Protein backbone atom coordinates (compact mmCIF):
# COMPACT_ATOMS: atom_id res chain seq x y z
CA MET A 1 5.10 -30.11 83.05
CA ASN A 2 3.57 -26.72 82.26
CA ASN A 3 -0.03 -27.03 81.00
CA LYS A 4 -0.64 -23.30 80.81
CA PRO A 5 -1.83 -22.49 77.28
CA ALA A 6 -0.18 -19.76 75.26
CA GLU A 7 -1.99 -16.45 75.39
CA ILE A 8 -3.68 -15.45 72.14
CA THR A 9 -5.37 -12.31 70.89
CA PHE A 10 -9.08 -11.92 70.20
CA ASP A 11 -8.25 -11.82 66.48
CA ASP A 12 -6.54 -15.22 66.86
CA PHE A 13 -9.75 -16.57 68.40
CA LEU A 14 -11.90 -15.09 65.62
CA ALA A 15 -9.73 -16.84 63.03
CA VAL A 16 -11.20 -20.17 64.20
CA ASP A 17 -14.70 -20.44 62.71
CA ILE A 18 -16.79 -22.62 65.06
CA ARG A 19 -20.37 -23.25 63.94
CA VAL A 20 -23.42 -25.18 65.09
CA GLY A 21 -24.55 -27.99 62.84
CA LYS A 22 -27.13 -30.77 62.99
CA ILE A 23 -26.07 -34.36 62.35
CA ILE A 24 -28.14 -35.75 59.51
CA SER A 25 -26.43 -39.13 59.23
CA ALA A 26 -23.97 -41.19 61.25
CA GLU A 27 -22.43 -44.52 60.31
CA THR A 28 -19.60 -46.71 61.52
CA PHE A 29 -16.21 -46.16 59.94
CA PRO A 30 -14.49 -49.59 59.97
CA GLN A 31 -11.48 -48.37 57.94
CA ALA A 32 -10.45 -45.85 60.64
CA ARG A 33 -7.40 -46.76 62.74
CA LYS A 34 -9.30 -45.96 65.94
CA PRO A 35 -13.06 -46.60 66.31
CA ALA A 36 -14.94 -43.71 64.71
CA TYR A 37 -18.11 -42.64 62.96
CA LYS A 38 -18.55 -40.89 59.64
CA LEU A 39 -20.89 -37.96 60.20
CA LEU A 40 -22.77 -35.78 57.73
CA ILE A 41 -23.56 -32.46 59.38
CA ASP A 42 -25.89 -29.73 58.08
CA PHE A 43 -24.68 -26.19 58.80
CA GLY A 44 -27.55 -24.42 57.02
CA PRO A 45 -27.87 -22.85 53.57
CA ASP A 46 -24.82 -20.57 53.78
CA ILE A 47 -22.34 -23.36 54.60
CA GLY A 48 -24.18 -26.51 53.55
CA GLN A 49 -23.52 -30.10 54.51
CA LYS A 50 -20.04 -31.19 55.58
CA LYS A 51 -18.48 -34.55 56.45
CA SER A 52 -16.58 -35.32 59.65
CA SER A 53 -14.86 -38.33 61.15
CA ALA A 54 -15.38 -38.43 64.92
CA GLN A 55 -13.92 -40.81 67.50
CA ILE A 56 -17.04 -40.77 69.69
CA THR A 57 -18.05 -44.46 69.59
CA VAL A 58 -17.72 -45.10 73.34
CA HIS A 59 -20.46 -42.68 74.43
CA TYR A 60 -22.75 -42.55 71.36
CA SER A 61 -24.46 -44.85 68.88
CA PRO A 62 -25.17 -43.76 65.30
CA ASP A 63 -28.94 -43.74 65.94
CA GLU A 64 -28.72 -41.35 68.90
CA LEU A 65 -26.44 -38.96 66.99
CA VAL A 66 -28.87 -38.28 64.12
CA GLY A 67 -30.68 -35.01 64.83
CA ARG A 68 -28.21 -33.91 67.52
CA LYS A 69 -26.69 -30.43 67.31
CA VAL A 70 -22.91 -30.23 67.54
CA MET A 71 -20.16 -27.63 67.29
CA ALA A 72 -17.45 -27.92 64.66
CA VAL A 73 -14.50 -25.96 63.32
CA ILE A 74 -15.39 -25.39 59.67
CA ASN A 75 -12.28 -23.56 58.44
CA PHE A 76 -9.51 -26.11 59.05
CA PRO A 77 -8.08 -27.74 55.92
CA LYS A 78 -9.79 -30.96 54.84
CA ARG A 79 -8.14 -34.10 56.19
CA GLN A 80 -7.91 -37.47 54.49
CA ILE A 81 -8.66 -40.26 56.95
CA GLY A 82 -8.28 -43.57 55.13
CA PRO A 83 -10.77 -43.53 52.25
CA PHE A 84 -12.78 -40.68 53.84
CA MET A 85 -12.27 -36.91 53.48
CA SER A 86 -13.13 -35.15 56.73
CA GLU A 87 -14.16 -31.54 56.04
CA VAL A 88 -14.79 -30.22 59.57
CA LEU A 89 -13.54 -30.94 63.09
CA THR A 90 -16.39 -31.93 65.40
CA LEU A 91 -15.63 -30.64 68.91
CA GLY A 92 -15.66 -32.55 72.17
CA PHE A 93 -13.95 -33.04 75.50
CA ALA A 94 -12.09 -36.08 76.83
CA ASP A 95 -13.60 -37.84 79.84
CA GLU A 96 -11.49 -39.39 82.64
CA SER A 97 -10.65 -42.33 80.35
CA GLY A 98 -9.76 -40.18 77.36
CA ASP A 99 -12.96 -41.02 75.48
CA ILE A 100 -14.64 -38.09 73.74
CA LEU A 101 -17.90 -36.43 74.83
CA LEU A 102 -19.40 -34.00 72.34
CA ALA A 103 -19.30 -30.30 73.21
CA GLY A 104 -22.85 -29.20 74.02
CA VAL A 105 -25.01 -26.50 72.55
CA GLU A 106 -28.50 -25.36 73.50
CA GLU A 107 -31.20 -27.08 71.43
CA ASN A 108 -32.71 -23.80 70.22
CA THR A 109 -29.39 -22.54 68.82
CA PRO A 110 -29.88 -22.19 65.05
CA ILE A 111 -27.75 -24.28 62.75
CA GLY A 112 -25.02 -22.24 61.11
CA ALA A 113 -24.71 -19.97 64.17
CA ARG A 114 -21.11 -18.92 64.88
CA LEU A 115 -19.45 -19.14 68.29
CA LEU A 116 -18.58 -15.61 69.40
């Protein structure tokens, strides 16, 4: 199997708007097919607060997520997940077991900052 990704242009990369946000609430999402949390993330005054469903229950508890800075794609279409409308895609990486670890960002990175 070939795992080499397709080559893209810099303009293709810039089309994906990845921003830093701060989780202001996290709660369990029992209606999700796979274990997940419902997150409310603050991206600052220009973007505001957005909701996200994230399958990160193996490595994180809701309490430890509140106040954490995360990266998210903010310009994908909204996605209905059961009774919840997810507005952004919170980014992470799969560990050896396939469970998701959040993508990291330096603590002093301002919320709303764009990945360049």
